[in-house]
Amino acid sequence: MGSDALADIKADLANRVAAIEWRAGPARIADEVDRIRAVAHRHRLMPAVTVAHLLESALARGEQGALVHGWLALLREAVSSERQDQGACEAFAAACAVRFAA
């Protein structure tokens, strides 16, 4: 995949994250995050997969409101990450744990 195509995919995922309407309720958020995770996985954007998975878990625990904004901000960062290695995934997972006591 060319760098332009990957940049387009990252831009699409970032737009999807920005467009999530968390006031619609956790089920709608979870569906959107699941779709983002699936696209990220298909294109090997592994930090985004990691954060999306952890966000899905947080939503399943009942997280909502302002905390979800923080999760979405971290997901946007993961989508735009240049690194796609295991170390990047671990760094984003650690950031989730530190920022959100996951």
PDB file of N, CA and C in Angstrom:
ATOM      1  N   MET A   1       0.851  -1.166   0.000  1.00  0.00           N
ATOM      2  CA  MET A   1       0.000   0.000   0.000  1.00  0.00           C
ATOM      3  C   MET A   1       0.899   1.232   0.000  1.00  0.00           C
ATOM      4  N   GLY A   2       0.570   2.195  -0.845  1.00  0.00           N
ATOM      5  CA  GLY A   2       1.358   3.405  -0.942  1.00  0.00           C
ATOM      6  C   GLY A   2       1.134   4.324   0.243  1.00  0.00           C
ATOM      7  N   SER A   3       2.072   5.241   0.422  1.00  0.00           N
ATOM      8  CA  SER A   3       1.965   6.157   1.552  1.00  0.00           C
ATOM      9  C   SER A   3       0.762   7.084   1.415  1.00  0.00           C
ATOM     10  N   ASP A   4       0.379   7.429   0.179  1.00  0.00           N
ATOM     11  CA  ASP A   4      -0.809   8.273  -0.014  1.00  0.00           C
ATOM     12  C   ASP A   4      -2.076   7.532   0.398  1.00  0.00           C
ATOM     13  N   ALA A   5      -2.161   6.251   0.054  1.00  0.00           N
ATOM     14  CA  ALA A   5      -3.336   5.466   0.429  1.00  0.00           C
ATOM     15  C   ALA A   5      -3.415   5.323   1.941  1.00  0.00           C
ATOM     16  N   LEU A   6      -2.287   5.080   2.588  1.00  0.00           N
ATOM     17  CA  LEU A   6      -2.274   4.951   4.042  1.00  0.00           C
ATOM     18  C   LEU A   6      -2.643   6.282   4.697  1.00  0.00           C
ATOM     19  N   ALA A   7      -2.164   7.371   4.138  1.00  0.00           N
ATOM     20  CA  ALA A   7      -2.523   8.694   4.676  1.00  0.00           C
ATOM     21  C   ALA A   7      -4.024   8.928   4.544  1.00  0.00           C
ATOM     22  N   ASP A   8      -4.615   8.487   3.438  1.00  0.00           N
ATOM     23  CA  ASP A   8      -6.064   8.625   3.248  1.00  0.00           C
ATOM     24  C   ASP A   8      -6.834   7.789   4.266  1.00  0.00           C
ATOM     25  N   ILE A   9      -6.346   6.579   4.545  1.00  0.00           N
ATOM     26  CA  ILE A   9      -7.004   5.712   5.522  1.00  0.00           C
ATOM     27  C   ILE A   9      -6.906   6.329   6.913  1.00  0.00           C
ATOM     28  N   LYS A  10      -5.732   6.841   7.258  1.00  0.00           N
ATOM     29  CA  LYS A  10      -5.568   7.484   8.558  1.00  0.00           C
ATOM     30  C   LYS A  10      -6.482   8.703   8.685  1.00  0.00           C
ATOM     31  N   ALA A  11      -6.588   9.481   7.611  1.00  0.00           N
ATOM     32  CA  ALA A  11      -7.467  10.661   7.639  1.00  0.00           C
ATOM     33  C   ALA A  11      -8.919  10.244   7.810  1.00  0.00           C
ATOM     34  N   ASP A  12      -9.322   9.175   7.114  1.00  0.00           N
ATOM     35  CA  ASP A  12     -10.694   8.681   7.257  1.00  0.00           C
ATOM     36  C   ASP A  12     -10.966   8.225   8.682  1.00  0.00           C
ATOM     37  N   LEU A  13     -10.034   7.480   9.261  1.00  0.00           N
ATOM     38  CA  LEU A  13     -10.224   7.010  10.638  1.00  0.00           C
ATOM     39  C   LEU A  13     -10.253   8.185  11.621  1.00  0.00           C
ATOM     40  N   ALA A  14      -9.398   9.162  11.423  1.00  0.00           N
ATOM     41  CA  ALA A  14      -9.411  10.330  12.301  1.00  0.00           C
ATOM     42  C   ALA A  14     -10.746  11.062  12.197  1.00  0.00           C
ATOM     43  N   ASN A  15     -11.278  11.168  10.992  1.00  0.00           N
ATOM     44  CA  ASN A  15     -12.593  11.793  10.807  1.00  0.00           C
ATOM     45  C   ASN A  15     -13.687  10.991  11.490  1.00  0.00           C
ATOM     46  N   ARG A  16     -13.593   9.669  11.425  1.00  0.00           N
ATOM     47  CA  ARG A  16     -14.587   8.823  12.093  1.00  0.00           C
ATOM     48  C   ARG A  16     -14.554   9.010  13.598  1.00  0.00           C
ATOM     49  N   VAL A  17     -13.342   9.080  14.145  1.00  0.00           N
ATOM     50  CA  VAL A  17     -13.205   9.294  15.588  1.00  0.00           C
ATOM     51  C   VAL A  17     -13.832  10.633  15.960  1.00  0.00           C
ATOM     52  N   ALA A  18     -13.525  11.665  15.177  1.00  0.00           N
ATOM     53  CA  ALA A  18     -14.048  13.001  15.468  1.00  0.00           C
ATOM     54  C   ALA A  18     -15.563  13.055  15.353  1.00  0.00           C
ATOM     55  N   ALA A  19     -16.143  12.208  14.509  1.00  0.00           N
ATOM     56  CA  ALA A  19     -17.580  12.260  14.248  1.00  0.00           C
ATOM     57  C   ALA A  19     -18.418  11.436  15.228  1.00  0.00           C
ATOM     58  N   ILE A  20     -17.774  10.678  16.089  1.00  0.00           N
ATOM     59  CA  ILE A  20     -18.552   9.847  17.018  1.00  0.00           C
ATOM     60  C   ILE A  20     -19.418  10.738  17.895  1.00  0.00           C
ATOM     61  N   GLU A  21     -20.691  10.405  17.933  1.00  0.00           N
ATOM     62  CA  GLU A  21     -21.649  11.174  18.737  1.00  0.00           C
ATOM     63  C   GLU A  21     -21.880  10.416  20.034  1.00  0.00           C
ATOM     64  N   TRP A  22     -21.069  10.753  21.084  1.00  0.00           N
ATOM     65  CA  TRP A  22     -21.154   9.999  22.338  1.00  0.00           C
ATOM     66  C   TRP A  22     -22.450  10.268  23.084  1.00  0.00           C
ATOM     67  N   ARG A  23     -23.155  11.324  22.744  1.00  0.00           N
ATOM     68  CA  ARG A  23     -24.435  11.570  23.405  1.00  0.00           C
ATOM     69  C   ARG A  23     -25.505  10.584  22.951  1.00  0.00           C
ATOM     70  N   ALA A  24     -25.228   9.842  21.893  1.00  0.00           N
ATOM     71  CA  ALA A  24     -26.196   8.862  21.393  1.00  0.00           C
ATOM     72  C   ALA A  24     -26.215   7.606  22.252  1.00  0.00           C
ATOM     73  N   GLY A  25     -25.298   7.467  23.167  1.00  0.00           N
ATOM     74  CA  GLY A  25     -25.288   6.335  24.072  1.00  0.00           C
ATOM     75  C   GLY A  25     -24.171   5.357  23.792  1.00  0.00           C
ATOM     76  N   PRO A  26     -23.826   4.570  24.794  1.00  0.00           N
ATOM     77  CA  PRO A  26     -22.688   3.652  24.691  1.00  0.00           C
ATOM     78  C   PRO A  26     -22.801   2.636  23.567  1.00  0.00           C
ATOM     79  N   ALA A  27     -23.997   2.163  23.253  1.00  0.00           N
ATOM     80  CA  ALA A  27     -24.123   1.159  22.195  1.00  0.00           C
ATOM     81  C   ALA A  27     -23.678   1.735  20.856  1.00  0.00           C
ATOM     82  N   ARG A  28     -24.086   2.957  20.576  1.00  0.00           N
ATOM     83  CA  ARG A  28     -23.695   3.593  19.304  1.00  0.00           C
ATOM     84  C   ARG A  28     -22.196   3.844  19.279  1.00  0.00           C
ATOM     85  N   ILE A  29     -21.638   4.283  20.369  1.00  0.00           N
ATOM     86  CA  ILE A  29     -20.193   4.508  20.433  1.00  0.00           C
ATOM     87  C   ILE A  29     -19.462   3.196  20.194  1.00  0.00           C
ATOM     88  N   ALA A  30     -19.904   2.161  20.861  1.00  0.00           N
ATOM     89  CA  ALA A  30     -19.238   0.867  20.743  1.00  0.00           C
ATOM     90  C   ALA A  30     -19.266   0.379  19.303  1.00  0.00           C
ATOM     91  N   ASP A  31     -20.385   0.562  18.615  1.00  0.00           N
ATOM     92  CA  ASP A  31     -20.478   0.140  17.211  1.00  0.00           C
ATOM     93  C   ASP A  31     -19.485   0.907  16.348  1.00  0.00           C
ATOM     94  N   GLU A  32     -19.399   2.215  16.557  1.00  0.00           N
ATOM     95  CA  GLU A  32     -18.472   3.043  15.781  1.00  0.00           C
ATOM     96  C   GLU A  32     -17.017   2.663  16.074  1.00  0.00           C
ATOM     97  N   VAL A  33     -16.704   2.478  17.346  1.00  0.00           N
ATOM     98  CA  VAL A  33     -15.338   2.108  17.719  1.00  0.00           C
ATOM     99  C   VAL A  33     -14.992   0.737  17.137  1.00  0.00           C
ATOM    100  N   ASP A  34     -15.944  -0.172  17.125  1.00  0.00           N
ATOM    101  CA  ASP A  34     -15.712  -1.489  16.542  1.00  0.00           C
ATOM    102  C   ASP A  34     -15.398  -1.370  15.049  1.00  0.00           C
ATOM    103  N   ARG A  35     -16.125  -0.519  14.349  1.00  0.00           N
ATOM    104  CA  ARG A  35     -15.853  -0.316  12.919  1.00  0.00           C
ATOM    105  C   ARG A  35     -14.464   0.301  12.711  1.00  0.00           C
ATOM    106  N   ILE A  36     -14.120   1.268  13.549  1.00  0.00           N
ATOM    107  CA  ILE A  36     -12.790   1.876  13.459  1.00  0.00           C
ATOM    108  C   ILE A  36     -11.717   0.827  13.713  1.00  0.00           C
ATOM    109  N   ARG A  37     -11.923  -0.004  14.737  1.00  0.00           N
ATOM    110  CA  ARG A  37     -10.956  -1.063  15.052  1.00  0.00           C
ATOM    111  C   ARG A  37     -10.795  -2.017  13.880  1.00  0.00           C
ATOM    112  N   ALA A  38     -11.902  -2.386  13.239  1.00  0.00           N
ATOM    113  CA  ALA A  38     -11.850  -3.328  12.117  1.00  0.00           C
ATOM    114  C   ALA A  38     -11.061  -2.744  10.938  1.00  0.00           C
ATOM    115  N   VAL A  39     -11.314  -1.484  10.617  1.00  0.00           N
ATOM    116  CA  VAL A  39     -10.577  -0.840   9.516  1.00  0.00           C
ATOM    117  C   VAL A  39      -9.097  -0.722   9.873  1.00  0.00           C
ATOM    118  N   ALA A  40      -8.817  -0.305  11.092  1.00  0.00           N
ATOM    119  CA  ALA A  40      -7.428  -0.181  11.533  1.00  0.00           C
ATOM    120  C   ALA A  40      -6.722  -1.537  11.469  1.00  0.00           C
ATOM    121  N   HIS A  41      -7.401  -2.586  11.889  1.00  0.00           N
ATOM    122  CA  HIS A  41      -6.805  -3.924  11.847  1.00  0.00           C
ATOM    123  C   HIS A  41      -6.530  -4.351  10.412  1.00  0.00           C
ATOM    124  N   ARG A  42      -7.477  -4.110   9.535  1.00  0.00           N
ATOM    125  CA  ARG A  42      -7.334  -4.497   8.127  1.00  0.00           C
ATOM    126  C   ARG A  42      -6.116  -3.807   7.499  1.00  0.00           C
ATOM    127  N   HIS A  43      -5.797  -2.599   7.964  1.00  0.00           N
ATOM    128  CA  HIS A  43      -4.689  -1.851   7.382  1.00  0.00           C
ATOM    129  C   HIS A  43      -3.461  -1.832   8.288  1.00  0.00           C
ATOM    130  N   ARG A  44      -3.465  -2.712   9.276  1.00  0.00           N
ATOM    131  CA  ARG A  44      -2.323  -2.920  10.178  1.00  0.00           C
ATOM    132  C   ARG A  44      -1.902  -1.660  10.929  1.00  0.00           C
ATOM    133  N   LEU A  45      -2.883  -0.873  11.331  1.00  0.00           N
ATOM    134  CA  LEU A  45      -2.635   0.296  12.179  1.00  0.00           C
ATOM    135  C   LEU A  45      -2.801  -0.172  13.627  1.00  0.00           C
ATOM    136  N   MET A  46      -1.798  -0.908  14.089  1.00  0.00           N
ATOM    137  CA  MET A  46      -1.930  -1.657  15.325  1.00  0.00           C
ATOM    138  C   MET A  46      -2.080  -0.813  16.589  1.00  0.00           C
ATOM    139  N   PRO A  47      -1.442   0.349  16.734  1.00  0.00           N
ATOM    140  CA  PRO A  47      -1.728   1.152  17.928  1.00  0.00           C
ATOM    141  C   PRO A  47      -3.206   1.556  17.995  1.00  0.00           C
ATOM    142  N   ALA A  48      -3.800   1.862  16.843  1.00  0.00           N
ATOM    143  CA  ALA A  48      -5.224   2.205  16.822  1.00  0.00           C
ATOM    144  C   ALA A  48      -6.073   1.005  17.212  1.00  0.00           C
ATOM    145  N   VAL A  49      -5.681  -0.177  16.773  1.00  0.00           N
ATOM    146  CA  VAL A  49      -6.393  -1.401  17.163  1.00  0.00           C
ATOM    147  C   VAL A  49      -6.326  -1.577  18.676  1.00  0.00           C
ATOM    148  N   THR A  50      -5.145  -1.376  19.235  1.00  0.00           N
ATOM    149  CA  THR A  50      -4.949  -1.532  20.677  1.00  0.00           C
ATOM    150  C   THR A  50      -5.840  -0.580  21.459  1.00  0.00           C
ATOM    151  N   VAL A  51      -5.808   0.706  21.106  1.00  0.00           N
ATOM    152  CA  VAL A  51      -6.598   1.695  21.840  1.00  0.00           C
ATOM    153  C   VAL A  51      -8.091   1.458  21.636  1.00  0.00           C
ATOM    154  N   ALA A  52      -8.495   1.115  20.412  1.00  0.00           N
ATOM    155  CA  ALA A  52      -9.915   0.845  20.156  1.00  0.00           C
ATOM    156  C   ALA A  52     -10.398  -0.326  21.005  1.00  0.00           C
ATOM    157  N   HIS A  53      -9.584  -1.356  21.096  1.00  0.00           N
ATOM    158  CA  HIS A  53      -9.957  -2.519  21.912  1.00  0.00           C
ATOM    159  C   HIS A  53     -10.105  -2.114  23.383  1.00  0.00           C
ATOM    160  N   LEU A  54      -9.164  -1.328  23.886  1.00  0.00           N
ATOM    161  CA  LEU A  54      -9.242  -0.889  25.273  1.00  0.00           C
ATOM    162  C   LEU A  54     -10.424   0.052  25.495  1.00  0.00           C
ATOM    163  N   LEU A  55     -10.726   0.889  24.512  1.00  0.00           N
ATOM    164  CA  LEU A  55     -11.897   1.764  24.602  1.00  0.00           C
ATOM    165  C   LEU A  55     -13.182   0.943  24.632  1.00  0.00           C
ATOM    166  N   GLU A  56     -13.243  -0.093  23.803  1.00  0.00           N
ATOM    167  CA  GLU A  56     -14.422  -0.969  23.827  1.00  0.00           C
ATOM    168  C   GLU A  56     -14.596  -1.593  25.207  1.00  0.00           C
ATOM    169  N   SER A  57     -13.501  -1.999  25.818  1.00  0.00           N
ATOM    170  CA  SER A  57     -13.566  -2.570  27.167  1.00  0.00           C
ATOM    171  C   SER A  57     -14.049  -1.533  28.178  1.00  0.00           C
ATOM    172  N   ALA A  58     -13.563  -0.297  28.043  1.00  0.00           N
ATOM    173  CA  ALA A  58     -13.990   0.771  28.956  1.00  0.00           C
ATOM    174  C   ALA A  58     -15.485   1.043  28.807  1.00  0.00           C
ATOM    175  N   LEU A  59     -15.959   1.055  27.576  1.00  0.00           N
ATOM    176  CA  LEU A  59     -17.393   1.266  27.342  1.00  0.00           C
ATOM    177  C   LEU A  59     -18.212   0.131  27.938  1.00  0.00           C
ATOM    178  N   ALA A  60     -17.701  -1.091  27.813  1.00  0.00           N
ATOM    179  CA  ALA A  60     -18.400  -2.253  28.386  1.00  0.00           C
ATOM    180  C   ALA A  60     -18.467  -2.160  29.915  1.00  0.00           C
ATOM    181  N   ARG A  61     -17.461  -1.490  30.528  1.00  0.00           N
ATOM    182  CA  ARG A  61     -17.464  -1.292  31.982  1.00  0.00           C
ATOM    183  C   ARG A  61     -18.390  -0.158  32.391  1.00  0.00           C
ATOM    184  N   GLY A  62     -18.906   0.573  31.405  1.00  0.00           N
ATOM    185  CA  GLY A  62     -19.828   1.657  31.720  1.00  0.00           C
ATOM    186  C   GLY A  62     -19.231   3.045  31.689  1.00  0.00           C
ATOM    187  N   GLU A  63     -17.993   3.189  31.201  1.00  0.00           N
ATOM    188  CA  GLU A  63     -17.393   4.518  31.113  1.00  0.00           C
ATOM    189  C   GLU A  63     -18.235   5.390  30.190  1.00  0.00           C
ATOM    190  N   GLN A  64     -18.320   6.667  30.518  1.00  0.00           N
ATOM    191  CA  GLN A  64     -19.096   7.586  29.689  1.00  0.00           C
ATOM    192  C   GLN A  64     -18.664   9.013  29.961  1.00  0.00           C
ATOM    193  N   GLY A  65     -19.273   9.948  29.278  1.00  0.00           N
ATOM    194  CA  GLY A  65     -19.035  11.365  29.518  1.00  0.00           C
ATOM    195  C   GLY A  65     -17.644  11.827  29.164  1.00  0.00           C
ATOM    196  N   ALA A  66     -17.099  12.680  30.033  1.00  0.00           N
ATOM    197  CA  ALA A  66     -15.813  13.323  29.766  1.00  0.00           C
ATOM    198  C   ALA A  66     -14.686  12.312  29.585  1.00  0.00           C
ATOM    199  N   LEU A  67     -14.740  11.212  30.306  1.00  0.00           N
ATOM    200  CA  LEU A  67     -13.693  10.212  30.171  1.00  0.00           C
ATOM    201  C   LEU A  67     -13.649   9.660  28.749  1.00  0.00           C
ATOM    202  N   VAL A  68     -14.806   9.521  28.126  1.00  0.00           N
ATOM    203  CA  VAL A  68     -14.847   9.020  26.753  1.00  0.00           C
ATOM    204  C   VAL A  68     -14.147  10.005  25.818  1.00  0.00           C
ATOM    205  N   HIS A  69     -14.268  11.303  26.077  1.00  0.00           N
ATOM    206  CA  HIS A  69     -13.552  12.296  25.271  1.00  0.00           C
ATOM    207  C   HIS A  69     -12.048  12.025  25.316  1.00  0.00           C
ATOM    208  N   GLY A  70     -11.535  11.704  26.487  1.00  0.00           N
ATOM    209  CA  GLY A  70     -10.115  11.399  26.631  1.00  0.00           C
ATOM    210  C   GLY A  70      -9.712  10.159  25.857  1.00  0.00           C
ATOM    211  N   TRP A  71     -10.551   9.136  25.930  1.00  0.00           N
ATOM    212  CA  TRP A  71     -10.285   7.910  25.175  1.00  0.00           C
ATOM    213  C   TRP A  71     -10.261   8.202  23.680  1.00  0.00           C
ATOM    214  N   LEU A  72     -11.213   9.010  23.216  1.00  0.00           N
ATOM    215  CA  LEU A  72     -11.279   9.335  21.788  1.00  0.00           C
ATOM    216  C   LEU A  72     -10.061  10.141  21.357  1.00  0.00           C
ATOM    217  N   ALA A  73      -9.583  11.040  22.213  1.00  0.00           N
ATOM    218  CA  ALA A  73      -8.376  11.808  21.897  1.00  0.00           C
ATOM    219  C   ALA A  73      -7.179  10.873  21.751  1.00  0.00           C
ATOM    220  N   LEU A  74      -7.076   9.903  22.639  1.00  0.00           N
ATOM    221  CA  LEU A  74      -5.978   8.947  22.556  1.00  0.00           C
ATOM    222  C   LEU A  74      -6.118   8.072  21.311  1.00  0.00           C
ATOM    223  N   LEU A  75      -7.341   7.726  20.948  1.00  0.00           N
ATOM    224  CA  LEU A  75      -7.566   6.949  19.733  1.00  0.00           C
ATOM    225  C   LEU A  75      -7.131   7.748  18.500  1.00  0.00           C
ATOM    226  N   ARG A  76      -7.432   9.051  18.489  1.00  0.00           N
ATOM    227  CA  ARG A  76      -6.970   9.898  17.373  1.00  0.00           C
ATOM    228  C   ARG A  76      -5.447   9.893  17.290  1.00  0.00           C
ATOM    229  N   GLU A  77      -4.778   9.972  18.435  1.00  0.00           N
ATOM    230  CA  GLU A  77      -3.310   9.925  18.448  1.00  0.00           C
ATOM    231  C   GLU A  77      -2.805   8.598  17.900  1.00  0.00           C
ATOM    232  N   ALA A  78      -3.452   7.515  18.294  1.00  0.00           N
ATOM    233  CA  ALA A  78      -3.031   6.186  17.837  1.00  0.00           C
ATOM    234  C   ALA A  78      -3.229   6.033  16.332  1.00  0.00           C
ATOM    235  N   VAL A  79      -4.327   6.571  15.820  1.00  0.00           N
ATOM    236  CA  VAL A  79      -4.590   6.502  14.379  1.00  0.00           C
ATOM    237  C   VAL A  79      -3.477   7.210  13.610  1.00  0.00           C
ATOM    238  N   SER A  80      -3.004   8.326  14.124  1.00  0.00           N
ATOM    239  CA  SER A  80      -2.000   9.107  13.395  1.00  0.00           C
ATOM    240  C   SER A  80      -0.564   8.663  13.665  1.00  0.00           C
ATOM    241  N   SER A  81      -0.385   7.681  14.518  1.00  0.00           N
ATOM    242  CA  SER A  81       0.958   7.217  14.860  1.00  0.00           C
ATOM    243  C   SER A  81       1.718   6.728  13.627  1.00  0.00           C
ATOM    244  N   GLU A  82       2.960   7.135  13.539  1.00  0.00           N
ATOM    245  CA  GLU A  82       3.820   6.668  12.448  1.00  0.00           C
ATOM    246  C   GLU A  82       4.350   5.265  12.741  1.00  0.00           C
ATOM    247  N   ARG A  83       4.503   4.940  14.012  1.00  0.00           N
ATOM    248  CA  ARG A  83       5.014   3.616  14.398  1.00  0.00           C
ATOM    249  C   ARG A  83       3.873   2.619  14.470  1.00  0.00           C
ATOM    250  N   GLN A  84       4.116   1.425  13.953  1.00  0.00           N
ATOM    251  CA  GLN A  84       3.104   0.372  13.960  1.00  0.00           C
ATOM    252  C   GLN A  84       3.631  -0.917  14.583  1.00  0.00           C
ATOM    253  N   ASP A  85       4.723  -0.831  15.312  1.00  0.00           N
ATOM    254  CA  ASP A  85       5.357  -2.007  15.902  1.00  0.00           C
ATOM    255  C   ASP A  85       4.759  -2.335  17.274  1.00  0.00           C
ATOM    256  N   GLN A  86       5.178  -3.446  17.821  1.00  0.00           N
ATOM    257  CA  GLN A  86       4.688  -3.901  19.123  1.00  0.00           C
ATOM    258  C   GLN A  86       5.003  -2.897  20.221  1.00  0.00           C
ATOM    259  N   GLY A  87       6.173  -2.275  20.132  1.00  0.00           N
ATOM    260  CA  GLY A  87       6.535  -1.274  21.127  1.00  0.00           C
ATOM    261  C   GLY A  87       5.569  -0.097  21.144  1.00  0.00           C
ATOM    262  N   ALA A  88       5.121   0.319  19.966  1.00  0.00           N
ATOM    263  CA  ALA A  88       4.143   1.412  19.891  1.00  0.00           C
ATOM    264  C   ALA A  88       2.824   0.980  20.512  1.00  0.00           C
ATOM    265  N   CYS A  89       2.414  -0.247  20.244  1.00  0.00           N
ATOM    266  CA  CYS A  89       1.171  -0.768  20.841  1.00  0.00           C
ATOM    267  C   CYS A  89       1.277  -0.785  22.359  1.00  0.00           C
ATOM    268  N   GLU A  90       2.415  -1.239  22.859  1.00  0.00           N
ATOM    269  CA  GLU A  90       2.621  -1.286  24.303  1.00  0.00           C
ATOM    270  C   GLU A  90       2.637   0.118  24.908  1.00  0.00           C
ATOM    271  N   ALA A  91       3.226   1.075  24.191  1.00  0.00           N
ATOM    272  CA  ALA A  91       3.260   2.452  24.686  1.00  0.00           C
ATOM    273  C   ALA A  91       1.853   3.039  24.758  1.00  0.00           C
ATOM    274  N   PHE A  92       1.034   2.784  23.743  1.00  0.00           N
ATOM    275  CA  PHE A  92      -0.336   3.288  23.775  1.00  0.00           C
ATOM    276  C   PHE A  92      -1.160   2.577  24.858  1.00  0.00           C
ATOM    277  N   ALA A  93      -0.940   1.282  25.037  1.00  0.00           N
ATOM    278  CA  ALA A  93      -1.648   0.565  26.107  1.00  0.00           C
ATOM    279  C   ALA A  93      -1.261   1.126  27.466  1.00  0.00           C
ATOM    280  N   ALA A  94       0.028   1.433  27.645  1.00  0.00           N
ATOM    281  CA  ALA A  94       0.484   2.019  28.907  1.00  0.00           C
ATOM    282  C   ALA A  94      -0.117   3.408  29.108  1.00  0.00           C
ATOM    283  N   ALA A  95      -0.214   4.181  28.026  1.00  0.00           N
ATOM    284  CA  ALA A  95      -0.820   5.505  28.116  1.00  0.00           C
ATOM    285  C   ALA A  95      -2.283   5.387  28.544  1.00  0.00           C
ATOM    286  N   CYS A  96      -2.967   4.388  28.014  1.00  0.00           N
ATOM    287  CA  CYS A  96      -4.359   4.156  28.420  1.00  0.00           C
ATOM    288  C   CYS A  96      -4.432   3.849  29.911  1.00  0.00           C
ATOM    289  N   ALA A  97      -3.547   2.989  30.361  1.00  0.00           N
ATOM    290  CA  ALA A  97      -3.551   2.592  31.776  1.00  0.00           C
ATOM    291  C   ALA A  97      -3.259   3.780  32.689  1.00  0.00           C
ATOM    292  N   VAL A  98      -2.279   4.598  32.287  1.00  0.00           N
ATOM    293  CA  VAL A  98      -1.897   5.733  33.106  1.00  0.00           C
ATOM    294  C   VAL A  98      -2.969   6.810  33.090  1.00  0.00           C
ATOM    295  N   ARG A  99      -3.456   7.155  31.910  1.00  0.00           N
ATOM    296  CA  ARG A  99      -4.422   8.245  31.790  1.00  0.00           C
ATOM    297  C   ARG A  99      -5.793   7.886  32.348  1.00  0.00           C
ATOM    298  N   PHE A 100      -6.162   6.628  32.222  1.00  0.00           N
ATOM    299  CA  PHE A 100      -7.541   6.268  32.539  1.00  0.00           C
ATOM    300  C   PHE A 100      -7.651   5.173  33.580  1.00  0.00           C
ATOM    301  N   ALA A 101      -6.544   4.823  34.218  1.00  0.00           N
ATOM    302  CA  ALA A 101      -6.534   3.794  35.261  1.00  0.00           C
ATOM    303  C   ALA A 101      -7.305   2.559  34.802  1.00  0.00           C
ATOM    304  N   ALA A 102      -6.997   2.103  33.579  1.00  0.00           N
ATOM    305  CA  ALA A 102      -7.693   0.942  32.992  1.00  0.00           C
ATOM    306  C   ALA A 102      -7.167  -0.349  33.560  1.00  0.00           C
TER     307      ALA A 102
END
